[in-house]
Amino acid sequence: MGSYSTPPDFPAHPPEILPPAMGGNFAQEAELRAVRERGSGRGAGSRSWAHAPATYILVGINCLVFLGMLFSGVSIMNPTTQQLVHWGANNPELVLTYGQWWRVVTAMFVHVGIIHLATNMWCLWNLGLLGEPLMGPIGLFAAYILSGAAGNMLSIGINQAFGSGTLVGAGASGAVFGISGVLIILLKSKRLPIPPKELAGLRRYVIYFALINFVIGFGSMAVRTAVQIDNMAHLGGFLGGIIFALPLVPMIGSPRPLFRFRLRLAIGLLCSILVFFGFYISTAVAPARDLPTEQQ
């Protein structure tokens, strides 16, 4: 886990995650098994970027944003909270008081230093390679954006309600937790042409990943430091991913028309919930105080 020093009066609050400590690259192995079962004849030596375009694009966007931050003079290890806010980090009062709702999306592409970026991108890479064959490029992209937004919105609501409206949140881990929530549901599907024992093993790895990082997150909350792990963003992303997956069927092993219909249903369901939840926190959770002028 990376550690970052920030001004104590306006602490950064990065959702942080630990890389999955599984034996071997389970994501690539799972994809190859699925491809083999589908009879496409592709082998490990013929993999190309097109096999998981959404995963590569999302990792690329995150890295490009971080490079842009560096080229603008942001520290590679310890960005200031003002810099994070400038680049689109999440903050309850900026969202609720000033209506900057776009931050619930942009914050998932902003990171608090190179270690924060590296750990999040390693997890996104592995879970994305496992999840994209199951939900398709559009499904993975939607799961990332919508579950990440769910995590940031829950963080806004909880922090504002408990008087922490000046906290700044950044990082992709809420969205990555969302992808893990989707996988936990989809890997139970009997439609997948993969031996049940192998599916159970993959699902167990994803569950362990989520549990370990939740424990680490709650542990960090007990130790009050300037930079903390935003476990509410993790929880919101995870729940958003589960909700997204409930109407979904895996792309592998399902008729394409059925998969497309269920994917539209999943996107519509989570979008509707986010709209209602956003309306609730904007009306029920009154801003406690204005941001200091120098932070705006």
C-alpha atoms as a PDB file:
ATOM      1  CA  MET A   1       0.000   0.000   0.000  1.00  0.00           C
ATOM      2  CA  GLY A   2       1.335   3.416  -0.861  1.00  0.00           C
ATOM      3  CA  SER A   3       1.521   6.229   1.669  1.00  0.00           C
ATOM      4  CA  TYR A   4       1.086   9.854   0.734  1.00  0.00           C
ATOM      5  CA  SER A   5       1.580  13.072   2.702  1.00  0.00           C
ATOM      6  CA  THR A   6      -0.935  15.847   2.180  1.00  0.00           C
ATOM      7  CA  PRO A   7      -1.986  19.041   3.976  1.00  0.00           C
ATOM      8  CA  PRO A   8      -3.730  17.995   7.228  1.00  0.00           C
ATOM      9  CA  ASP A   9      -6.449  20.623   6.866  1.00  0.00           C
ATOM     10  CA  PHE A  10      -7.674  19.231   3.560  1.00  0.00           C
ATOM     11  CA  PRO A  11      -6.564  15.598   3.359  1.00  0.00           C
ATOM     12  CA  ALA A  12      -6.652  13.514   0.225  1.00  0.00           C
ATOM     13  CA  HIS A  13      -8.793  10.432   0.470  1.00  0.00           C
ATOM     14  CA  PRO A  14      -7.646   7.998  -2.220  1.00  0.00           C
ATOM     15  CA  PRO A  15      -9.558   4.770  -2.765  1.00  0.00           C
ATOM     16  CA  GLU A  16      -6.651   2.315  -2.615  1.00  0.00           C
ATOM     17  CA  ILE A  17      -6.512  -1.367  -3.447  1.00  0.00           C
ATOM     18  CA  LEU A  18      -4.008  -4.159  -3.128  1.00  0.00           C
ATOM     19  CA  PRO A  19      -2.974  -6.109  -6.244  1.00  0.00           C
ATOM     20  CA  PRO A  20      -4.550  -9.575  -6.280  1.00  0.00           C
ATOM     21  CA  ALA A  21      -2.023 -12.007  -4.811  1.00  0.00           C
ATOM     22  CA  MET A  22      -3.078 -15.081  -6.737  1.00  0.00           C
ATOM     23  CA  GLY A  23      -0.868 -17.778  -8.160  1.00  0.00           C
ATOM     24  CA  GLY A  24      -0.255 -17.054 -11.835  1.00  0.00           C
ATOM     25  CA  ASN A  25      -2.181 -14.724 -14.105  1.00  0.00           C
ATOM     26  CA  PHE A  26      -5.643 -16.114 -13.456  1.00  0.00           C
ATOM     27  CA  ALA A  27      -7.295 -13.562 -15.729  1.00  0.00           C
ATOM     28  CA  GLN A  28      -5.411 -14.577 -18.840  1.00  0.00           C
ATOM     29  CA  GLU A  29      -5.736 -18.258 -18.010  1.00  0.00           C
ATOM     30  CA  ALA A  30      -9.495 -17.943 -17.612  1.00  0.00           C
ATOM     31  CA  GLU A  31      -9.867 -16.089 -20.883  1.00  0.00           C
ATOM     32  CA  LEU A  32      -7.827 -18.706 -22.726  1.00  0.00           C
ATOM     33  CA  ARG A  33      -9.944 -21.491 -21.254  1.00  0.00           C
ATOM     34  CA  ALA A  34     -13.125 -19.730 -22.338  1.00  0.00           C
ATOM     35  CA  VAL A  35     -11.768 -19.119 -25.815  1.00  0.00           C
ATOM     36  CA  ARG A  36     -10.692 -22.721 -26.099  1.00  0.00           C
ATOM     37  CA  GLU A  37     -14.150 -23.933 -25.085  1.00  0.00           C
ATOM     38  CA  ARG A  38     -15.749 -21.713 -27.696  1.00  0.00           C
ATOM     39  CA  GLY A  39     -13.621 -23.435 -30.310  1.00  0.00           C
ATOM     40  CA  SER A  40     -12.180 -20.300 -31.826  1.00  0.00           C
ATOM     41  CA  GLY A  41      -8.750 -21.810 -32.096  1.00  0.00           C
ATOM     42  CA  ARG A  42      -6.944 -18.768 -30.703  1.00  0.00           C
ATOM     43  CA  GLY A  43      -3.865 -19.587 -28.631  1.00  0.00           C
ATOM     44  CA  ALA A  44      -1.783 -17.650 -26.186  1.00  0.00           C
ATOM     45  CA  GLY A  45       0.584 -16.585 -28.941  1.00  0.00           C
ATOM     46  CA  SER A  46      -2.146 -14.971 -31.028  1.00  0.00           C
ATOM     47  CA  ARG A  47      -3.501 -12.570 -28.423  1.00  0.00           C
ATOM     48  CA  SER A  48      -3.979  -8.983 -29.575  1.00  0.00           C
ATOM     49  CA  TRP A  49      -5.247  -5.763 -28.103  1.00  0.00           C
ATOM     50  CA  ALA A  50      -8.671  -6.431 -29.657  1.00  0.00           C
ATOM     51  CA  HIS A  51      -9.292  -9.308 -27.243  1.00  0.00           C
ATOM     52  CA  ALA A  52      -9.815  -6.838 -24.377  1.00  0.00           C
ATOM     53  CA  PRO A  53     -10.045  -3.345 -25.894  1.00  0.00           C
ATOM     54  CA  ALA A  54     -12.010  -1.768 -23.047  1.00  0.00           C
ATOM     55  CA  THR A  55      -9.469  -2.937 -20.460  1.00  0.00           C
ATOM     56  CA  TYR A  56      -6.569  -1.504 -22.442  1.00  0.00           C
ATOM     57  CA  ILE A  57      -8.394   1.740 -23.168  1.00  0.00           C
ATOM     58  CA  LEU A  58      -9.331   2.276 -19.513  1.00  0.00           C
ATOM     59  CA  VAL A  59      -5.777   1.574 -18.352  1.00  0.00           C
ATOM     60  CA  GLY A  60      -4.511   3.894 -21.086  1.00  0.00           C
ATOM     61  CA  ILE A  61      -6.816   6.744 -20.076  1.00  0.00           C
ATOM     62  CA  ASN A  62      -5.739   6.482 -16.451  1.00  0.00           C
ATOM     63  CA  CYS A  63      -2.059   6.512 -17.434  1.00  0.00           C
ATOM     64  CA  LEU A  64      -2.530   9.428 -19.857  1.00  0.00           C
ATOM     65  CA  VAL A  65      -4.261  11.501 -17.172  1.00  0.00           C
ATOM     66  CA  PHE A  66      -1.387  10.811 -14.787  1.00  0.00           C
ATOM     67  CA  LEU A  67       1.153  11.774 -17.456  1.00  0.00           C
ATOM     68  CA  GLY A  68      -0.784  14.985 -18.031  1.00  0.00           C
ATOM     69  CA  MET A  69      -0.593  15.696 -14.312  1.00  0.00           C
ATOM     70  CA  LEU A  70       3.171  15.133 -14.324  1.00  0.00           C
ATOM     71  CA  PHE A  71       3.756  17.342 -17.355  1.00  0.00           C
ATOM     72  CA  SER A  72       1.783  20.117 -15.657  1.00  0.00           C
ATOM     73  CA  GLY A  73       4.125  20.029 -12.657  1.00  0.00           C
ATOM     74  CA  VAL A  74       2.274  17.661 -10.293  1.00  0.00           C
ATOM     75  CA  SER A  75       4.532  15.614  -7.997  1.00  0.00           C
ATOM     76  CA  ILE A  76       4.982  11.994  -9.086  1.00  0.00           C
ATOM     77  CA  MET A  77       4.741  10.798  -5.467  1.00  0.00           C
ATOM     78  CA  ASN A  78       2.798  13.391  -3.493  1.00  0.00           C
ATOM     79  CA  PRO A  79       0.306  15.585  -5.375  1.00  0.00           C
ATOM     80  CA  THR A  80      -1.271  18.374  -3.355  1.00  0.00           C
ATOM     81  CA  THR A  81      -4.990  18.340  -2.728  1.00  0.00           C
ATOM     82  CA  GLN A  82      -5.348  21.531  -4.782  1.00  0.00           C
ATOM     83  CA  GLN A  83      -3.758  19.753  -7.741  1.00  0.00           C
ATOM     84  CA  LEU A  84      -6.001  16.724  -7.299  1.00  0.00           C
ATOM     85  CA  VAL A  85      -9.090  18.941  -7.209  1.00  0.00           C
ATOM     86  CA  HIS A  86      -7.884  20.789 -10.321  1.00  0.00           C
ATOM     87  CA  TRP A  87      -7.602  17.487 -12.208  1.00  0.00           C
ATOM     88  CA  GLY A  88     -11.101  16.338 -11.231  1.00  0.00           C
ATOM     89  CA  ALA A  89     -10.860  14.598  -7.852  1.00  0.00           C
ATOM     90  CA  ASN A  90     -14.038  13.995  -5.889  1.00  0.00           C
ATOM     91  CA  ASN A  91     -15.193  16.249  -3.044  1.00  0.00           C
ATOM     92  CA  PRO A  92     -18.607  16.302  -1.314  1.00  0.00           C
ATOM     93  CA  GLU A  93     -18.968  20.055  -1.064  1.00  0.00           C
ATOM     94  CA  LEU A  94     -17.830  20.783  -4.598  1.00  0.00           C
ATOM     95  CA  VAL A  95     -20.378  18.263  -5.842  1.00  0.00           C
ATOM     96  CA  LEU A  96     -23.295  19.079  -3.552  1.00  0.00           C
ATOM     97  CA  THR A  97     -22.815  22.815  -3.084  1.00  0.00           C
ATOM     98  CA  TYR A  98     -21.464  23.795  -6.482  1.00  0.00           C
ATOM     99  CA  GLY A  99     -23.123  21.118  -8.609  1.00  0.00           C
ATOM    100  CA  GLN A 100     -19.886  19.636  -9.991  1.00  0.00           C
ATOM    101  CA  TRP A 101     -21.362  16.173 -10.480  1.00  0.00           C
ATOM    102  CA  TRP A 102     -18.897  15.380 -13.242  1.00  0.00           C
ATOM    103  CA  ARG A 103     -16.376  14.729 -10.468  1.00  0.00           C
ATOM    104  CA  VAL A 104     -18.009  11.387  -9.629  1.00  0.00           C
ATOM    105  CA  VAL A 105     -16.696  10.215 -13.025  1.00  0.00           C
ATOM    106  CA  THR A 106     -13.446  12.152 -13.440  1.00  0.00           C
ATOM    107  CA  ALA A 107     -12.200  11.177  -9.966  1.00  0.00           C
ATOM    108  CA  MET A 108     -11.857   7.547 -11.022  1.00  0.00           C
ATOM    109  CA  PHE A 109      -9.161   8.568 -13.525  1.00  0.00           C
ATOM    110  CA  VAL A 110      -7.104  10.682 -11.062  1.00  0.00           C
ATOM    111  CA  HIS A 111      -4.479   9.108  -8.800  1.00  0.00           C
ATOM    112  CA  VAL A 112      -2.499  10.192  -5.754  1.00  0.00           C
ATOM    113  CA  GLY A 113       0.993   9.380  -6.993  1.00  0.00           C
ATOM    114  CA  ILE A 114       2.682   6.668  -9.032  1.00  0.00           C
ATOM    115  CA  ILE A 115       2.258   3.893  -6.436  1.00  0.00           C
ATOM    116  CA  HIS A 116      -1.464   4.543  -6.207  1.00  0.00           C
ATOM    117  CA  LEU A 117      -1.715   4.425 -10.005  1.00  0.00           C
ATOM    118  CA  ALA A 118       0.400   1.277 -10.344  1.00  0.00           C
ATOM    119  CA  THR A 119      -1.557  -0.772  -7.797  1.00  0.00           C
ATOM    120  CA  ASN A 120      -4.917   0.253  -9.230  1.00  0.00           C
ATOM    121  CA  MET A 121      -3.870  -0.394 -12.833  1.00  0.00           C
ATOM    122  CA  TRP A 122      -2.455  -3.819 -11.975  1.00  0.00           C
ATOM    123  CA  CYS A 123      -5.806  -4.813 -10.459  1.00  0.00           C
ATOM    124  CA  LEU A 124      -7.784  -3.264 -13.325  1.00  0.00           C
ATOM    125  CA  TRP A 125      -5.616  -5.119 -15.840  1.00  0.00           C
ATOM    126  CA  ASN A 126      -6.107  -8.520 -14.204  1.00  0.00           C
ATOM    127  CA  LEU A 127      -9.807  -8.189 -13.411  1.00  0.00           C
ATOM    128  CA  GLY A 128     -10.485  -6.555 -16.771  1.00  0.00           C
ATOM    129  CA  LEU A 129      -8.872  -9.403 -18.712  1.00  0.00           C
ATOM    130  CA  LEU A 130     -11.000 -11.837 -16.742  1.00  0.00           C
ATOM    131  CA  GLY A 131     -14.222  -9.820 -16.976  1.00  0.00           C
ATOM    132  CA  GLU A 132     -14.208  -8.491 -20.524  1.00  0.00           C
ATOM    133  CA  PRO A 133     -14.806 -11.890 -22.214  1.00  0.00           C
ATOM    134  CA  LEU A 134     -17.807 -12.309 -19.902  1.00  0.00           C
ATOM    135  CA  MET A 135     -19.451  -8.905 -20.353  1.00  0.00           C
ATOM    136  CA  GLY A 136     -17.958  -7.580 -23.586  1.00  0.00           C
ATOM    137  CA  PRO A 137     -16.115  -4.288 -24.132  1.00  0.00           C
ATOM    138  CA  ILE A 138     -19.228  -2.137 -23.729  1.00  0.00           C
ATOM    139  CA  GLY A 139     -20.251  -4.056 -20.631  1.00  0.00           C
ATOM    140  CA  LEU A 140     -16.847  -3.705 -18.999  1.00  0.00           C
ATOM    141  CA  PHE A 141     -16.662   0.003 -19.794  1.00  0.00           C
ATOM    142  CA  ALA A 142     -20.189   0.529 -18.425  1.00  0.00           C
ATOM    143  CA  ALA A 143     -19.417  -1.499 -15.299  1.00  0.00           C
ATOM    144  CA  TYR A 144     -16.277   0.574 -14.661  1.00  0.00           C
ATOM    145  CA  ILE A 145     -17.951   3.952 -15.126  1.00  0.00           C
ATOM    146  CA  LEU A 146     -21.255   3.210 -13.387  1.00  0.00           C
ATOM    147  CA  SER A 147     -19.900   1.258 -10.421  1.00  0.00           C
ATOM    148  CA  GLY A 148     -17.102   3.805 -10.001  1.00  0.00           C
ATOM    149  CA  ALA A 149     -19.715   6.554  -9.946  1.00  0.00           C
ATOM    150  CA  ALA A 150     -21.718   4.559  -7.395  1.00  0.00           C
ATOM    151  CA  GLY A 151     -18.648   4.329  -5.168  1.00  0.00           C
ATOM    152  CA  ASN A 152     -17.887   8.035  -5.412  1.00  0.00           C
ATOM    153  CA  MET A 153     -21.518   8.947  -4.728  1.00  0.00           C
ATOM    154  CA  LEU A 154     -21.684   6.754  -1.631  1.00  0.00           C
ATOM    155  CA  SER A 155     -18.425   8.321  -0.443  1.00  0.00           C
ATOM    156  CA  ILE A 156     -19.936  11.776  -0.967  1.00  0.00           C
ATOM    157  CA  GLY A 157     -23.082  10.930   0.971  1.00  0.00           C
ATOM    158  CA  ILE A 158     -21.332   9.259   3.910  1.00  0.00           C
ATOM    159  CA  ASN A 159     -18.543  11.829   4.246  1.00  0.00           C
ATOM    160  CA  GLN A 160     -20.919  14.781   3.999  1.00  0.00           C
ATOM    161  CA  ALA A 161     -23.353  13.261   6.491  1.00  0.00           C
ATOM    162  CA  PHE A 162     -20.578  12.734   9.042  1.00  0.00           C
ATOM    163  CA  GLY A 163     -19.019  16.158   8.648  1.00  0.00           C
ATOM    164  CA  SER A 164     -16.097  15.204   6.398  1.00  0.00           C
ATOM    165  CA  GLY A 165     -17.150  17.334   3.453  1.00  0.00           C
ATOM    166  CA  THR A 166     -13.652  18.685   2.829  1.00  0.00           C
ATOM    167  CA  LEU A 167     -12.145  15.268   2.047  1.00  0.00           C
ATOM    168  CA  VAL A 168     -10.815  14.767  -1.479  1.00  0.00           C
ATOM    169  CA  GLY A 169     -11.165  11.347  -3.103  1.00  0.00           C
ATOM    170  CA  ALA A 170      -9.362  10.007  -6.148  1.00  0.00           C
ATOM    171  CA  GLY A 171      -8.580   6.657  -7.712  1.00  0.00           C
ATOM    172  CA  ALA A 172      -9.943   3.828  -9.829  1.00  0.00           C
ATOM    173  CA  SER A 173     -10.396   1.317  -7.035  1.00  0.00           C
ATOM    174  CA  GLY A 174     -14.132   1.932  -6.531  1.00  0.00           C
ATOM    175  CA  ALA A 175     -14.615   1.042 -10.194  1.00  0.00           C
ATOM    176  CA  VAL A 176     -12.294  -1.960  -9.876  1.00  0.00           C
ATOM    177  CA  PHE A 177     -14.302  -3.175  -6.885  1.00  0.00           C
ATOM    178  CA  GLY A 178     -17.354  -2.824  -9.123  1.00  0.00           C
ATOM    179  CA  ILE A 179     -15.799  -5.132 -11.692  1.00  0.00           C
ATOM    180  CA  SER A 180     -15.034  -7.648  -8.940  1.00  0.00           C
ATOM    181  CA  GLY A 181     -18.689  -7.501  -7.852  1.00  0.00           C
ATOM    182  CA  VAL A 182     -19.807  -8.242 -11.408  1.00  0.00           C
ATOM    183  CA  LEU A 183     -17.396 -11.177 -11.632  1.00  0.00           C
ATOM    184  CA  ILE A 184     -18.561 -12.714  -8.369  1.00  0.00           C
ATOM    185  CA  ILE A 185     -22.081 -12.921  -9.809  1.00  0.00           C
ATOM    186  CA  LEU A 186     -21.245 -13.877 -13.410  1.00  0.00           C
ATOM    187  CA  LEU A 187     -18.779 -16.610 -12.438  1.00  0.00           C
ATOM    188  CA  LYS A 188     -21.706 -18.484 -10.859  1.00  0.00           C
ATOM    189  CA  SER A 189     -23.495 -18.758 -14.202  1.00  0.00           C
ATOM    190  CA  LYS A 190     -24.139 -22.281 -15.461  1.00  0.00           C
ATOM    191  CA  ARG A 191     -24.018 -20.906 -19.004  1.00  0.00           C
ATOM    192  CA  LEU A 192     -20.228 -20.607 -18.931  1.00  0.00           C
ATOM    193  CA  PRO A 193     -18.526 -23.445 -20.858  1.00  0.00           C
ATOM    194  CA  ILE A 194     -15.839 -23.824 -18.203  1.00  0.00           C
ATOM    195  CA  PRO A 195     -15.577 -26.723 -15.721  1.00  0.00           C
ATOM    196  CA  PRO A 196     -17.389 -25.835 -12.476  1.00  0.00           C
ATOM    197  CA  LYS A 197     -14.289 -26.519 -10.391  1.00  0.00           C
ATOM    198  CA  GLU A 198     -12.266 -23.986 -12.377  1.00  0.00           C
ATOM    199  CA  LEU A 199     -15.084 -21.422 -12.155  1.00  0.00           C
ATOM    200  CA  ALA A 200     -15.300 -21.918  -8.394  1.00  0.00           C
ATOM    201  CA  GLY A 201     -11.565 -21.353  -8.083  1.00  0.00           C
ATOM    202  CA  LEU A 202     -11.659 -18.140 -10.114  1.00  0.00           C
ATOM    203  CA  ARG A 203     -14.643 -16.865  -8.162  1.00  0.00           C
ATOM    204  CA  ARG A 204     -12.903 -17.676  -4.882  1.00  0.00           C
ATOM    205  CA  TYR A 205      -9.867 -15.641  -5.942  1.00  0.00           C
ATOM    206  CA  VAL A 206     -12.062 -12.625  -6.718  1.00  0.00           C
ATOM    207  CA  ILE A 207     -13.856 -12.956  -3.368  1.00  0.00           C
ATOM    208  CA  TYR A 208     -10.531 -13.150  -1.531  1.00  0.00           C
ATOM    209  CA  PHE A 209      -9.339 -10.067  -3.388  1.00  0.00           C
ATOM    210  CA  ALA A 210     -12.407  -8.097  -2.288  1.00  0.00           C
ATOM    211  CA  LEU A 211     -12.298  -9.336   1.315  1.00  0.00           C
ATOM    212  CA  ILE A 212      -8.583  -8.642   1.781  1.00  0.00           C
ATOM    213  CA  ASN A 213      -8.920  -5.112   0.497  1.00  0.00           C
ATOM    214  CA  PHE A 214     -12.016  -4.397   2.571  1.00  0.00           C
ATOM    215  CA  VAL A 215     -10.122  -5.524   5.679  1.00  0.00           C
ATOM    216  CA  ILE A 216      -7.155  -3.326   4.749  1.00  0.00           C
ATOM    217  CA  GLY A 217      -9.509  -0.415   4.148  1.00  0.00           C
ATOM    218  CA  PHE A 218     -11.272  -0.736   7.495  1.00  0.00           C
ATOM    219  CA  GLY A 219      -7.902  -1.104   9.212  1.00  0.00           C
ATOM    220  CA  SER A 220      -6.743   2.175   7.694  1.00  0.00           C
ATOM    221  CA  MET A 221      -9.869   3.880   8.996  1.00  0.00           C
ATOM    222  CA  ALA A 222      -8.898   2.895  12.549  1.00  0.00           C
ATOM    223  CA  VAL A 223      -5.519   4.592  12.158  1.00  0.00           C
ATOM    224  CA  ARG A 224      -6.217   8.265  11.554  1.00  0.00           C
ATOM    225  CA  THR A 225      -3.653   9.557   9.070  1.00  0.00           C
ATOM    226  CA  ALA A 226      -3.605  12.465   6.619  1.00  0.00           C
ATOM    227  CA  VAL A 227      -4.281  10.051   3.748  1.00  0.00           C
ATOM    228  CA  GLN A 228      -6.796   7.264   4.247  1.00  0.00           C
ATOM    229  CA  ILE A 229      -8.309   4.488   2.169  1.00  0.00           C
ATOM    230  CA  ASP A 230     -11.831   5.409   1.109  1.00  0.00           C
ATOM    231  CA  ASN A 231     -13.641   2.180   1.967  1.00  0.00           C
ATOM    232  CA  MET A 232     -17.015   3.772   1.261  1.00  0.00           C
ATOM    233  CA  ALA A 233     -15.951   4.199  -2.374  1.00  0.00           C
ATOM    234  CA  HIS A 234     -14.929   0.538  -2.356  1.00  0.00           C
ATOM    235  CA  LEU A 235     -18.248  -0.539  -0.849  1.00  0.00           C
ATOM    236  CA  GLY A 236     -20.326   1.621  -3.182  1.00  0.00           C
ATOM    237  CA  GLY A 237     -18.443   0.358  -6.220  1.00  0.00           C
ATOM    238  CA  PHE A 238     -18.785  -3.240  -5.093  1.00  0.00           C
ATOM    239  CA  LEU A 239     -22.536  -2.919  -4.509  1.00  0.00           C
ATOM    240  CA  GLY A 240     -22.912  -1.106  -7.824  1.00  0.00           C
ATOM    241  CA  GLY A 241     -21.142  -3.981  -9.569  1.00  0.00           C
ATOM    242  CA  ILE A 242     -23.418  -6.558  -7.950  1.00  0.00           C
ATOM    243  CA  ILE A 243     -26.528  -4.599  -8.960  1.00  0.00           C
ATOM    244  CA  PHE A 244     -25.161  -4.269 -12.501  1.00  0.00           C
ATOM    245  CA  ALA A 245     -24.572  -8.031 -12.695  1.00  0.00           C
ATOM    246  CA  LEU A 246     -27.961  -9.174 -11.372  1.00  0.00           C
ATOM    247  CA  PRO A 247     -29.848  -8.922 -14.699  1.00  0.00           C
ATOM    248  CA  LEU A 248     -26.744  -9.759 -16.753  1.00  0.00           C
ATOM    249  CA  VAL A 249     -25.834 -13.042 -18.422  1.00  0.00           C
ATOM    250  CA  PRO A 250     -22.268 -13.867 -19.523  1.00  0.00           C
ATOM    251  CA  MET A 251     -21.505 -13.127 -23.157  1.00  0.00           C
ATOM    252  CA  ILE A 252     -19.744 -16.492 -23.394  1.00  0.00           C
ATOM    253  CA  GLY A 253     -22.351 -19.251 -23.595  1.00  0.00           C
ATOM    254  CA  SER A 254     -25.380 -16.966 -24.074  1.00  0.00           C
ATOM    255  CA  PRO A 255     -27.297 -16.125 -27.271  1.00  0.00           C
ATOM    256  CA  ARG A 256     -26.118 -12.745 -28.497  1.00  0.00           C
ATOM    257  CA  PRO A 257     -29.622 -11.156 -28.611  1.00  0.00           C
ATOM    258  CA  LEU A 258     -30.227 -12.247 -25.002  1.00  0.00           C
ATOM    259  CA  PHE A 259     -26.868 -10.902 -23.873  1.00  0.00           C
ATOM    260  CA  ARG A 260     -27.443  -7.543 -25.554  1.00  0.00           C
ATOM    261  CA  PHE A 261     -30.920  -7.204 -24.034  1.00  0.00           C
ATOM    262  CA  ARG A 262     -29.675  -8.085 -20.553  1.00  0.00           C
ATOM    263  CA  LEU A 263     -26.737  -5.681 -20.911  1.00  0.00           C
ATOM    264  CA  ARG A 264     -29.082  -2.813 -21.794  1.00  0.00           C
ATOM    265  CA  LEU A 265     -31.250  -3.791 -18.834  1.00  0.00           C
ATOM    266  CA  ALA A 266     -28.225  -3.795 -16.492  1.00  0.00           C
ATOM    267  CA  ILE A 267     -27.060  -0.379 -17.678  1.00  0.00           C
ATOM    268  CA  GLY A 268     -30.555   1.092 -17.406  1.00  0.00           C
ATOM    269  CA  LEU A 269     -31.090  -0.352 -13.931  1.00  0.00           C
ATOM    270  CA  LEU A 270     -27.868   0.994 -12.438  1.00  0.00           C
ATOM    271  CA  CYS A 271     -28.254   4.368 -14.179  1.00  0.00           C
ATOM    272  CA  SER A 272     -31.743   4.743 -12.697  1.00  0.00           C
ATOM    273  CA  ILE A 273     -30.522   3.870  -9.205  1.00  0.00           C
ATOM    274  CA  LEU A 274     -27.664   6.364  -9.490  1.00  0.00           C
ATOM    275  CA  VAL A 275     -30.023   9.143 -10.586  1.00  0.00           C
ATOM    276  CA  PHE A 276     -32.356   8.519  -7.640  1.00  0.00           C
ATOM    277  CA  PHE A 277     -29.462   8.198  -5.194  1.00  0.00           C
ATOM    278  CA  GLY A 278     -27.896  11.394  -6.506  1.00  0.00           C
ATOM    279  CA  PHE A 279     -31.195  13.216  -6.055  1.00  0.00           C
ATOM    280  CA  TYR A 280     -31.468  11.837  -2.513  1.00  0.00           C
ATOM    281  CA  ILE A 281     -28.013  12.904  -1.323  1.00  0.00           C
ATOM    282  CA  SER A 282     -28.371  16.313  -2.986  1.00  0.00           C
ATOM    283  CA  THR A 283     -31.555  17.027  -1.035  1.00  0.00           C
ATOM    284  CA  ALA A 284     -31.271  14.998   2.178  1.00  0.00           C
ATOM    285  CA  VAL A 285     -27.604  15.607   2.976  1.00  0.00           C
ATOM    286  CA  ALA A 286     -27.203  19.349   3.441  1.00  0.00           C
ATOM    287  CA  PRO A 287     -23.683  20.746   2.943  1.00  0.00           C
ATOM    288  CA  ALA A 288     -22.137  21.380   6.353  1.00  0.00           C
ATOM    289  CA  ARG A 289     -19.885  24.270   5.348  1.00  0.00           C
ATOM    290  CA  ASP A 290     -18.260  25.928   2.380  1.00  0.00           C
ATOM    291  CA  LEU A 291     -14.843  24.984   1.132  1.00  0.00           C
ATOM    292  CA  PRO A 292     -12.048  27.342   2.116  1.00  0.00           C
ATOM    293  CA  THR A 293     -11.627  29.953  -0.573  1.00  0.00           C
ATOM    294  CA  GLU A 294      -8.054  29.000  -1.376  1.00  0.00           C
ATOM    295  CA  GLN A 295      -9.150  25.416  -2.145  1.00  0.00           C
ATOM    296  CA  GLN A 296     -11.815  26.290  -4.698  1.00  0.00           C
END
